[in-house]
Amino acid sequence: MVEMVDPRQLSLVELRALRAKLQNDDDAVSYVRRLAQARLDLVQAEKRRRATGGEESLSDELPAILSTHCDSVQAALLLELGRWTDAEELIGSVFGAE
């Protein structure tokens, strides 16, 4: 359970630290949400391929499907800022051990 904090009771330093933590959490959640959406898009593309009787592979469509959700720049930023651990933990809790 998340502890509720009254921001009026925090010093400016504490408030800035809380804001940084919340921004970090938001970045990790956003990244995991995009990974989940990319997986859903892959499933939908495969369902469309099967419904139309397509024999071709999804390999040609992968860049278009994944580019709308998976941003390597954000992944690099998370890694550089030392926030990758938060994203990895969230990925593990959402998708299970992979």
PDB file of N, CA and C in Angstrom:
ATOM      1  N   MET A   1       0.840  -1.181   0.000  1.00  0.00           N
ATOM      2  CA  MET A   1       0.000   0.000   0.000  1.00  0.00           C
ATOM      3  C   MET A   1       0.883   1.240   0.000  1.00  0.00           C
ATOM      4  N   VAL A   2       0.482   2.233  -0.737  1.00  0.00           N
ATOM      5  CA  VAL A   2       1.233   3.471  -0.848  1.00  0.00           C
ATOM      6  C   VAL A   2       0.827   4.407   0.283  1.00  0.00           C
ATOM      7  N   GLU A   3       1.827   4.947   0.929  1.00  0.00           N
ATOM      8  CA  GLU A   3       1.570   5.885   2.018  1.00  0.00           C
ATOM      9  C   GLU A   3       1.220   7.247   1.434  1.00  0.00           C
ATOM     10  N   MET A   4       0.136   7.823   1.892  1.00  0.00           N
ATOM     11  CA  MET A   4      -0.269   9.139   1.431  1.00  0.00           C
ATOM     12  C   MET A   4       0.509  10.195   2.206  1.00  0.00           C
ATOM     13  N   VAL A   5       1.014  11.172   1.483  1.00  0.00           N
ATOM     14  CA  VAL A   5       1.811  12.228   2.084  1.00  0.00           C
ATOM     15  C   VAL A   5       1.149  13.558   1.766  1.00  0.00           C
ATOM     16  N   ASP A   6       1.043  14.398   2.778  1.00  0.00           N
ATOM     17  CA  ASP A   6       0.518  15.749   2.586  1.00  0.00           C
ATOM     18  C   ASP A   6       1.671  16.633   2.127  1.00  0.00           C
ATOM     19  N   PRO A   7       1.672  17.073   0.886  1.00  0.00           N
ATOM     20  CA  PRO A   7       2.801  17.859   0.388  1.00  0.00           C
ATOM     21  C   PRO A   7       3.001  19.174   1.134  1.00  0.00           C
ATOM     22  N   ARG A   8       1.963  19.659   1.780  1.00  0.00           N
ATOM     23  CA  ARG A   8       2.100  20.907   2.550  1.00  0.00           C
ATOM     24  C   ARG A   8       2.981  20.715   3.771  1.00  0.00           C
ATOM     25  N   GLN A   9       3.147  19.468   4.196  1.00  0.00           N
ATOM     26  CA  GLN A   9       3.955  19.177   5.378  1.00  0.00           C
ATOM     27  C   GLN A   9       5.424  18.917   5.040  1.00  0.00           C
ATOM     28  N   LEU A  10       5.772  18.924   3.758  1.00  0.00           N
ATOM     29  CA  LEU A  10       7.126  18.608   3.333  1.00  0.00           C
ATOM     30  C   LEU A  10       7.956  19.871   3.119  1.00  0.00           C
ATOM     31  N   SER A  11       9.232  19.745   3.385  1.00  0.00           N
ATOM     32  CA  SER A  11      10.146  20.843   3.057  1.00  0.00           C
ATOM     33  C   SER A  11      10.330  20.871   1.542  1.00  0.00           C
ATOM     34  N   LEU A  12      10.918  21.918   1.040  1.00  0.00           N
ATOM     35  CA  LEU A  12      11.148  22.028  -0.394  1.00  0.00           C
ATOM     36  C   LEU A  12      12.046  20.901  -0.899  1.00  0.00           C
ATOM     37  N   VAL A  13      13.056  20.546  -0.146  1.00  0.00           N
ATOM     38  CA  VAL A  13      13.959  19.448  -0.526  1.00  0.00           C
ATOM     39  C   VAL A  13      13.195  18.126  -0.563  1.00  0.00           C
ATOM     40  N   GLU A  14      12.371  17.877   0.445  1.00  0.00           N
ATOM     41  CA  GLU A  14      11.579  16.640   0.485  1.00  0.00           C
ATOM     42  C   GLU A  14      10.566  16.604  -0.660  1.00  0.00           C
ATOM     43  N   LEU A  15       9.970  17.757  -0.947  1.00  0.00           N
ATOM     44  CA  LEU A  15       8.988  17.841  -2.024  1.00  0.00           C
ATOM     45  C   LEU A  15       9.649  17.558  -3.378  1.00  0.00           C
ATOM     46  N   ARG A  16      10.826  18.094  -3.593  1.00  0.00           N
ATOM     47  CA  ARG A  16      11.551  17.840  -4.843  1.00  0.00           C
ATOM     48  C   ARG A  16      11.952  16.371  -4.957  1.00  0.00           C
ATOM     49  N   ALA A  17      12.354  15.772  -3.856  1.00  0.00           N
ATOM     50  CA  ALA A  17      12.717  14.350  -3.869  1.00  0.00           C
ATOM     51  C   ALA A  17      11.491  13.490  -4.184  1.00  0.00           C
ATOM     52  N   LEU A  18      10.354  13.844  -3.612  1.00  0.00           N
ATOM     53  CA  LEU A  18       9.127  13.110  -3.886  1.00  0.00           C
ATOM     54  C   LEU A  18       8.728  13.263  -5.354  1.00  0.00           C
ATOM     55  N   ARG A  19       8.842  14.464  -5.880  1.00  0.00           N
ATOM     56  CA  ARG A  19       8.518  14.697  -7.288  1.00  0.00           C
ATOM     57  C   ARG A  19       9.429  13.857  -8.193  1.00  0.00           C
ATOM     58  N   ALA A  20      10.713  13.818  -7.892  1.00  0.00           N
ATOM     59  CA  ALA A  20      11.658  13.028  -8.688  1.00  0.00           C
ATOM     60  C   ALA A  20      11.298  11.551  -8.639  1.00  0.00           C
ATOM     61  N   LYS A  21      10.938  11.046  -7.459  1.00  0.00           N
ATOM     62  CA  LYS A  21      10.552   9.638  -7.328  1.00  0.00           C
ATOM     63  C   LYS A  21       9.291   9.346  -8.135  1.00  0.00           C
ATOM     64  N   LEU A  22       8.314  10.236  -8.057  1.00  0.00           N
ATOM     65  CA  LEU A  22       7.072  10.026  -8.793  1.00  0.00           C
ATOM     66  C   LEU A  22       7.298  10.103 -10.300  1.00  0.00           C
ATOM     67  N   GLN A  23       8.181  10.989 -10.748  1.00  0.00           N
ATOM     68  CA  GLN A  23       8.510  11.050 -12.167  1.00  0.00           C
ATOM     69  C   GLN A  23       9.196   9.756 -12.607  1.00  0.00           C
ATOM     70  N   ASN A  24      10.071   9.247 -11.759  1.00  0.00           N
ATOM     71  CA  ASN A  24      10.753   7.985 -12.032  1.00  0.00           C
ATOM     72  C   ASN A  24       9.734   6.853 -12.161  1.00  0.00           C
ATOM     73  N   ASP A  25       8.814   6.780 -11.218  1.00  0.00           N
ATOM     74  CA  ASP A  25       7.776   5.751 -11.257  1.00  0.00           C
ATOM     75  C   ASP A  25       6.927   5.882 -12.518  1.00  0.00           C
ATOM     76  N   ASP A  26       6.583   7.107 -12.879  1.00  0.00           N
ATOM     77  CA  ASP A  26       5.771   7.346 -14.059  1.00  0.00           C
ATOM     78  C   ASP A  26       6.499   6.897 -15.326  1.00  0.00           C
ATOM     79  N   ASP A  27       7.796   7.167 -15.414  1.00  0.00           N
ATOM     80  CA  ASP A  27       8.585   6.735 -16.571  1.00  0.00           C
ATOM     81  C   ASP A  27       8.599   5.212 -16.690  1.00  0.00           C
ATOM     82  N   ALA A  28       8.778   4.534 -15.572  1.00  0.00           N
ATOM     83  CA  ALA A  28       8.818   3.066 -15.584  1.00  0.00           C
ATOM     84  C   ALA A  28       7.464   2.490 -15.995  1.00  0.00           C
ATOM     85  N   VAL A  29       6.390   3.028 -15.443  1.00  0.00           N
ATOM     86  CA  VAL A  29       5.047   2.547 -15.775  1.00  0.00           C
ATOM     87  C   VAL A  29       4.738   2.809 -17.249  1.00  0.00           C
ATOM     88  N   SER A  30       5.118   3.975 -17.747  1.00  0.00           N
ATOM     89  CA  SER A  30       4.880   4.322 -19.140  1.00  0.00           C
ATOM     90  C   SER A  30       5.604   3.355 -20.073  1.00  0.00           C
ATOM     91  N   TYR A  31       6.843   3.038 -19.745  1.00  0.00           N
ATOM     92  CA  TYR A  31       7.628   2.124 -20.573  1.00  0.00           C
ATOM     93  C   TYR A  31       6.990   0.734 -20.601  1.00  0.00           C
ATOM     94  N   VAL A  32       6.587   0.243 -19.445  1.00  0.00           N
ATOM     95  CA  VAL A  32       5.967  -1.083 -19.368  1.00  0.00           C
ATOM     96  C   VAL A  32       4.616  -1.094 -20.085  1.00  0.00           C
ATOM     97  N   ARG A  33       3.872  -0.003 -19.983  1.00  0.00           N
ATOM     98  CA  ARG A  33       2.597   0.081 -20.687  1.00  0.00           C
ATOM     99  C   ARG A  33       2.813  -0.017 -22.190  1.00  0.00           C
ATOM    100  N   ARG A  34       3.843   0.644 -22.699  1.00  0.00           N
ATOM    101  CA  ARG A  34       4.122   0.576 -24.130  1.00  0.00           C
ATOM    102  C   ARG A  34       4.558  -0.819 -24.550  1.00  0.00           C
ATOM    103  N   LEU A  35       5.319  -1.500 -23.701  1.00  0.00           N
ATOM    104  CA  LEU A  35       5.691  -2.890 -24.015  1.00  0.00           C
ATOM    105  C   LEU A  35       4.451  -3.775 -24.087  1.00  0.00           C
ATOM    106  N   ALA A  36       3.550  -3.589 -23.136  1.00  0.00           N
ATOM    107  CA  ALA A  36       2.321  -4.386 -23.126  1.00  0.00           C
ATOM    108  C   ALA A  36       1.484  -4.092 -24.367  1.00  0.00           C
ATOM    109  N   GLN A  37       1.373  -2.823 -24.744  1.00  0.00           N
ATOM    110  CA  GLN A  37       0.599  -2.464 -25.922  1.00  0.00           C
ATOM    111  C   GLN A  37       1.231  -3.033 -27.185  1.00  0.00           C
ATOM    112  N   ALA A  38       2.559  -3.036 -27.243  1.00  0.00           N
ATOM    113  CA  ALA A  38       3.245  -3.620 -28.401  1.00  0.00           C
ATOM    114  C   ALA A  38       2.936  -5.110 -28.510  1.00  0.00           C
ATOM    115  N   ARG A  39       2.910  -5.798 -27.383  1.00  0.00           N
ATOM    116  CA  ARG A  39       2.569  -7.225 -27.407  1.00  0.00           C
ATOM    117  C   ARG A  39       1.141  -7.432 -27.911  1.00  0.00           C
ATOM    118  N   LEU A  40       0.224  -6.597 -27.444  1.00  0.00           N
ATOM    119  CA  LEU A  40      -1.161  -6.699 -27.903  1.00  0.00           C
ATOM    120  C   LEU A  40      -1.256  -6.435 -29.407  1.00  0.00           C
ATOM    121  N   ASP A  41      -0.504  -5.461 -29.897  1.00  0.00           N
ATOM    122  CA  ASP A  41      -0.510  -5.166 -31.328  1.00  0.00           C
ATOM    123  C   ASP A  41       0.030  -6.340 -32.142  1.00  0.00           C
ATOM    124  N   LEU A  42       1.040  -7.015 -31.615  1.00  0.00           N
ATOM    125  CA  LEU A  42       1.578  -8.203 -32.297  1.00  0.00           C
ATOM    126  C   LEU A  42       0.524  -9.303 -32.371  1.00  0.00           C
ATOM    127  N   VAL A  43      -0.188  -9.506 -31.283  1.00  0.00           N
ATOM    128  CA  VAL A  43      -1.238 -10.528 -31.258  1.00  0.00           C
ATOM    129  C   VAL A  43      -2.338 -10.170 -32.255  1.00  0.00           C
ATOM    130  N   GLN A  44      -2.742  -8.903 -32.282  1.00  0.00           N
ATOM    131  CA  GLN A  44      -3.781  -8.480 -33.222  1.00  0.00           C
ATOM    132  C   GLN A  44      -3.330  -8.650 -34.673  1.00  0.00           C
ATOM    133  N   ALA A  45      -2.090  -8.317 -34.958  1.00  0.00           N
ATOM    134  CA  ALA A  45      -1.567  -8.489 -36.316  1.00  0.00           C
ATOM    135  C   ALA A  45      -1.548  -9.963 -36.707  1.00  0.00           C
ATOM    136  N   GLU A  46      -1.167 -10.820 -35.778  1.00  0.00           N
ATOM    137  CA  GLU A  46      -1.152 -12.262 -36.063  1.00  0.00           C
ATOM    138  C   GLU A  46      -2.579 -12.783 -36.267  1.00  0.00           C
ATOM    139  N   LYS A  47      -3.531 -12.300 -35.478  1.00  0.00           N
ATOM    140  CA  LYS A  47      -4.924 -12.708 -35.662  1.00  0.00           C
ATOM    141  C   LYS A  47      -5.438 -12.279 -37.037  1.00  0.00           C
ATOM    142  N   ARG A  48      -5.096 -11.056 -37.449  1.00  0.00           N
ATOM    143  CA  ARG A  48      -5.500 -10.584 -38.787  1.00  0.00           C
ATOM    144  C   ARG A  48      -4.875 -11.454 -39.869  1.00  0.00           C
ATOM    145  N   ARG A  49      -3.602 -11.789 -39.711  1.00  0.00           N
ATOM    146  CA  ARG A  49      -2.906 -12.606 -40.708  1.00  0.00           C
ATOM    147  C   ARG A  49      -3.580 -13.964 -40.839  1.00  0.00           C
ATOM    148  N   ARG A  50      -3.903 -14.564 -39.698  1.00  0.00           N
ATOM    149  CA  ARG A  50      -4.543 -15.892 -39.730  1.00  0.00           C
ATOM    150  C   ARG A  50      -5.957 -15.821 -40.283  1.00  0.00           C
ATOM    151  N   ALA A  51      -6.688 -14.757 -39.950  1.00  0.00           N
ATOM    152  CA  ALA A  51      -8.073 -14.612 -40.418  1.00  0.00           C
ATOM    153  C   ALA A  51      -8.136 -14.454 -41.934  1.00  0.00           C
ATOM    154  N   THR A  52      -7.127 -13.835 -42.505  1.00  0.00           N
ATOM    155  CA  THR A  52      -7.107 -13.643 -43.959  1.00  0.00           C
ATOM    156  C   THR A  52      -6.419 -14.793 -44.674  1.00  0.00           C
ATOM    157  N   GLY A  53      -5.965 -15.796 -43.908  1.00  0.00           N
ATOM    158  CA  GLY A  53      -5.306 -16.949 -44.508  1.00  0.00           C
ATOM    159  C   GLY A  53      -3.912 -16.637 -45.016  1.00  0.00           C
ATOM    160  N   GLY A  54      -3.336 -15.587 -44.499  1.00  0.00           N
ATOM    161  CA  GLY A  54      -2.005 -15.189 -44.949  1.00  0.00           C
ATOM    162  C   GLY A  54      -0.943 -16.197 -44.555  1.00  0.00           C
ATOM    163  N   GLU A  55      -0.037 -16.435 -45.456  1.00  0.00           N
ATOM    164  CA  GLU A  55       1.064 -17.359 -45.213  1.00  0.00           C
ATOM    165  C   GLU A  55       2.357 -16.612 -44.902  1.00  0.00           C
ATOM    166  N   GLU A  56       2.357 -15.309 -45.167  1.00  0.00           N
ATOM    167  CA  GLU A  56       3.558 -14.516 -44.946  1.00  0.00           C
ATOM    168  C   GLU A  56       3.828 -14.339 -43.448  1.00  0.00           C
ATOM    169  N   SER A  57       5.068 -14.069 -43.152  1.00  0.00           N
ATOM    170  CA  SER A  57       5.492 -13.865 -41.769  1.00  0.00           C
ATOM    171  C   SER A  57       5.219 -12.420 -41.354  1.00  0.00           C
ATOM    172  N   LEU A  58       5.125 -12.194 -40.075  1.00  0.00           N
ATOM    173  CA  LEU A  58       4.964 -10.842 -39.563  1.00  0.00           C
ATOM    174  C   LEU A  58       6.285 -10.075 -39.533  1.00  0.00           C
ATOM    175  N   SER A  59       7.361 -10.736 -39.897  1.00  0.00           N
ATOM    176  CA  SER A  59       8.685 -10.115 -39.825  1.00  0.00           C
ATOM    177  C   SER A  59       8.748  -8.775 -40.534  1.00  0.00           C
ATOM    178  N   ASP A  60       8.109  -8.677 -41.686  1.00  0.00           N
ATOM    179  CA  ASP A  60       8.147  -7.425 -42.442  1.00  0.00           C
ATOM    180  C   ASP A  60       7.374  -6.311 -41.742  1.00  0.00           C
ATOM    181  N   GLU A  61       6.378  -6.678 -40.960  1.00  0.00           N
ATOM    182  CA  GLU A  61       5.551  -5.679 -40.273  1.00  0.00           C
ATOM    183  C   GLU A  61       6.107  -5.274 -38.906  1.00  0.00           C
ATOM    184  N   LEU A  62       7.054  -6.042 -38.381  1.00  0.00           N
ATOM    185  CA  LEU A  62       7.551  -5.774 -37.029  1.00  0.00           C
ATOM    186  C   LEU A  62       8.025  -4.340 -36.802  1.00  0.00           C
ATOM    187  N   PRO A  63       8.836  -3.776 -37.682  1.00  0.00           N
ATOM    188  CA  PRO A  63       9.279  -2.400 -37.421  1.00  0.00           C
ATOM    189  C   PRO A  63       8.115  -1.419 -37.273  1.00  0.00           C
ATOM    190  N   ALA A  64       7.109  -1.553 -38.121  1.00  0.00           N
ATOM    191  CA  ALA A  64       5.959  -0.647 -38.046  1.00  0.00           C
ATOM    192  C   ALA A  64       5.142  -0.888 -36.787  1.00  0.00           C
ATOM    193  N   ILE A  65       4.945  -2.151 -36.431  1.00  0.00           N
ATOM    194  CA  ILE A  65       4.150  -2.482 -35.245  1.00  0.00           C
ATOM    195  C   ILE A  65       4.851  -2.003 -33.975  1.00  0.00           C
ATOM    196  N   LEU A  66       6.125  -2.305 -33.861  1.00  0.00           N
ATOM    197  CA  LEU A  66       6.849  -1.998 -32.620  1.00  0.00           C
ATOM    198  C   LEU A  66       7.265  -0.538 -32.499  1.00  0.00           C
ATOM    199  N   SER A  67       7.455   0.138 -33.608  1.00  0.00           N
ATOM    200  CA  SER A  67       7.951   1.515 -33.541  1.00  0.00           C
ATOM    201  C   SER A  67       6.947   2.475 -32.916  1.00  0.00           C
ATOM    202  N   THR A  68       5.687   2.106 -32.910  1.00  0.00           N
ATOM    203  CA  THR A  68       4.693   3.006 -32.328  1.00  0.00           C
ATOM    204  C   THR A  68       4.680   2.945 -30.807  1.00  0.00           C
ATOM    205  N   HIS A  69       5.321   1.927 -30.229  1.00  0.00           N
ATOM    206  CA  HIS A  69       5.266   1.770 -28.776  1.00  0.00           C
ATOM    207  C   HIS A  69       6.624   1.688 -28.101  1.00  0.00           C
ATOM    208  N   CYS A  70       7.554   1.006 -28.696  1.00  0.00           N
ATOM    209  CA  CYS A  70       8.846   0.760 -28.047  1.00  0.00           C
ATOM    210  C   CYS A  70       9.848   1.802 -28.506  1.00  0.00           C
ATOM    211  N   ASP A  71      10.254   2.607 -27.592  1.00  0.00           N
ATOM    212  CA  ASP A  71      11.164   3.697 -27.901  1.00  0.00           C
ATOM    213  C   ASP A  71      12.533   3.391 -27.318  1.00  0.00           C
ATOM    214  N   SER A  72      13.493   3.093 -28.193  1.00  0.00           N
ATOM    215  CA  SER A  72      14.832   2.764 -27.706  1.00  0.00           C
ATOM    216  C   SER A  72      15.478   3.966 -27.040  1.00  0.00           C
ATOM    217  N   VAL A  73      15.064   5.172 -27.416  1.00  0.00           N
ATOM    218  CA  VAL A  73      15.601   6.374 -26.771  1.00  0.00           C
ATOM    219  C   VAL A  73      15.175   6.406 -25.313  1.00  0.00           C
ATOM    220  N   GLN A  74      13.911   6.096 -25.036  1.00  0.00           N
ATOM    221  CA  GLN A  74      13.459   6.093 -23.646  1.00  0.00           C
ATOM    222  C   GLN A  74      14.145   4.985 -22.864  1.00  0.00           C
ATOM    223  N   ALA A  75      14.320   3.821 -23.472  1.00  0.00           N
ATOM    224  CA  ALA A  75      15.013   2.733 -22.780  1.00  0.00           C
ATOM    225  C   ALA A  75      16.436   3.152 -22.441  1.00  0.00           C
ATOM    226  N   ALA A  76      17.110   3.812 -23.374  1.00  0.00           N
ATOM    227  CA  ALA A  76      18.478   4.282 -23.120  1.00  0.00           C
ATOM    228  C   ALA A  76      18.486   5.335 -22.022  1.00  0.00           C
ATOM    229  N   LEU A  77      17.484   6.197 -22.016  1.00  0.00           N
ATOM    230  CA  LEU A  77      17.404   7.232 -20.982  1.00  0.00           C
ATOM    231  C   LEU A  77      17.180   6.611 -19.613  1.00  0.00           C
ATOM    232  N   LEU A  78      16.287   5.631 -19.529  1.00  0.00           N
ATOM    233  CA  LEU A  78      16.061   4.945 -18.259  1.00  0.00           C
ATOM    234  C   LEU A  78      17.348   4.311 -17.753  1.00  0.00           C
ATOM    235  N   LEU A  79      18.077   3.696 -18.663  1.00  0.00           N
ATOM    236  CA  LEU A  79      19.328   3.043 -18.303  1.00  0.00           C
ATOM    237  C   LEU A  79      20.360   4.069 -17.844  1.00  0.00           C
ATOM    238  N   GLU A  80      20.484   5.147 -18.602  1.00  0.00           N
ATOM    239  CA  GLU A  80      21.473   6.175 -18.277  1.00  0.00           C
ATOM    240  C   GLU A  80      21.164   6.865 -16.949  1.00  0.00           C
ATOM    241  N   LEU A  81      19.912   7.091 -16.675  1.00  0.00           N
ATOM    242  CA  LEU A  81      19.532   7.783 -15.450  1.00  0.00           C
ATOM    243  C   LEU A  81      19.467   6.845 -14.245  1.00  0.00           C
ATOM    244  N   GLY A  82      19.796   5.577 -14.465  1.00  0.00           N
ATOM    245  CA  GLY A  82      19.785   4.624 -13.363  1.00  0.00           C
ATOM    246  C   GLY A  82      18.393   4.181 -12.970  1.00  0.00           C
ATOM    247  N   ARG A  83      17.440   4.340 -13.868  1.00  0.00           N
ATOM    248  CA  ARG A  83      16.061   3.982 -13.547  1.00  0.00           C
ATOM    249  C   ARG A  83      15.656   2.647 -14.135  1.00  0.00           C
ATOM    250  N   TRP A  84      16.559   1.993 -14.853  1.00  0.00           N
ATOM    251  CA  TRP A  84      16.204   0.748 -15.516  1.00  0.00           C
ATOM    252  C   TRP A  84      15.756  -0.312 -14.526  1.00  0.00           C
ATOM    253  N   THR A  85      16.341  -0.325 -13.328  1.00  0.00           N
ATOM    254  CA  THR A  85      15.966  -1.329 -12.333  1.00  0.00           C
ATOM    255  C   THR A  85      14.483  -1.245 -12.017  1.00  0.00           C
ATOM    256  N   ASP A  86      13.968  -0.028 -11.887  1.00  0.00           N
ATOM    257  CA  ASP A  86      12.533   0.138 -11.613  1.00  0.00           C
ATOM    258  C   ASP A  86      11.705  -0.433 -12.752  1.00  0.00           C
ATOM    259  N   ALA A  87      12.106  -0.147 -13.987  1.00  0.00           N
ATOM    260  CA  ALA A  87      11.361  -0.655 -15.141  1.00  0.00           C
ATOM    261  C   ALA A  87      11.454  -2.177 -15.207  1.00  0.00           C
ATOM    262  N   GLU A  88      12.649  -2.736 -14.939  1.00  0.00           N
ATOM    263  CA  GLU A  88      12.810  -4.194 -14.963  1.00  0.00           C
ATOM    264  C   GLU A  88      11.925  -4.865 -13.917  1.00  0.00           C
ATOM    265  N   GLU A  89      11.883  -4.287 -12.717  1.00  0.00           N
ATOM    266  CA  GLU A  89      11.039  -4.854 -11.661  1.00  0.00           C
ATOM    267  C   GLU A  89       9.575  -4.822 -12.071  1.00  0.00           C
ATOM    268  N   LEU A  90       9.149  -3.716 -12.672  1.00  0.00           N
ATOM    269  CA  LEU A  90       7.770  -3.593 -13.106  1.00  0.00           C
ATOM    270  C   LEU A  90       7.465  -4.557 -14.241  1.00  0.00           C
ATOM    271  N   ILE A  91       8.394  -4.696 -15.179  1.00  0.00           N
ATOM    272  CA  ILE A  91       8.224  -5.650 -16.279  1.00  0.00           C
ATOM    273  C   ILE A  91       8.066  -7.063 -15.716  1.00  0.00           C
ATOM    274  N   GLY A  92       8.910  -7.407 -14.749  1.00  0.00           N
ATOM    275  CA  GLY A  92       8.833  -8.731 -14.131  1.00  0.00           C
ATOM    276  C   GLY A  92       7.511  -8.976 -13.441  1.00  0.00           C
ATOM    277  N   SER A  93       6.996  -7.960 -12.777  1.00  0.00           N
ATOM    278  CA  SER A  93       5.729  -8.140 -12.065  1.00  0.00           C
ATOM    279  C   SER A  93       4.540  -8.196 -13.020  1.00  0.00           C
ATOM    280  N   VAL A  94       4.640  -7.524 -14.157  1.00  0.00           N
ATOM    281  CA  VAL A  94       3.534  -7.525 -15.115  1.00  0.00           C
ATOM    282  C   VAL A  94       3.566  -8.766 -16.003  1.00  0.00           C
ATOM    283  N   PHE A  95       4.749  -9.077 -16.547  1.00  0.00           N
ATOM    284  CA  PHE A  95       4.851 -10.156 -17.523  1.00  0.00           C
ATOM    285  C   PHE A  95       5.369 -11.456 -16.920  1.00  0.00           C
ATOM    286  N   GLY A  96       5.807 -11.465 -15.682  1.00  0.00           N
ATOM    287  CA  GLY A  96       6.391 -12.648 -15.084  1.00  0.00           C
ATOM    288  C   GLY A  96       7.826 -12.795 -15.511  1.00  0.00           C
ATOM    289  N   ALA A  97       8.504 -13.762 -14.949  1.00  0.00           N
ATOM    290  CA  ALA A  97       9.931 -13.983 -15.270  1.00  0.00           C
ATOM    291  C   ALA A  97      10.047 -14.440 -16.708  1.00  0.00           C
ATOM    292  N   GLU A  98      10.900 -13.782 -17.464  1.00  0.00           N
ATOM    293  CA  GLU A  98      11.124 -14.150 -18.881  1.00  0.00           C
ATOM    294  C   GLU A  98      12.567 -14.386 -19.106  1.00  0.00           C
TER     295      GLU A  98
END
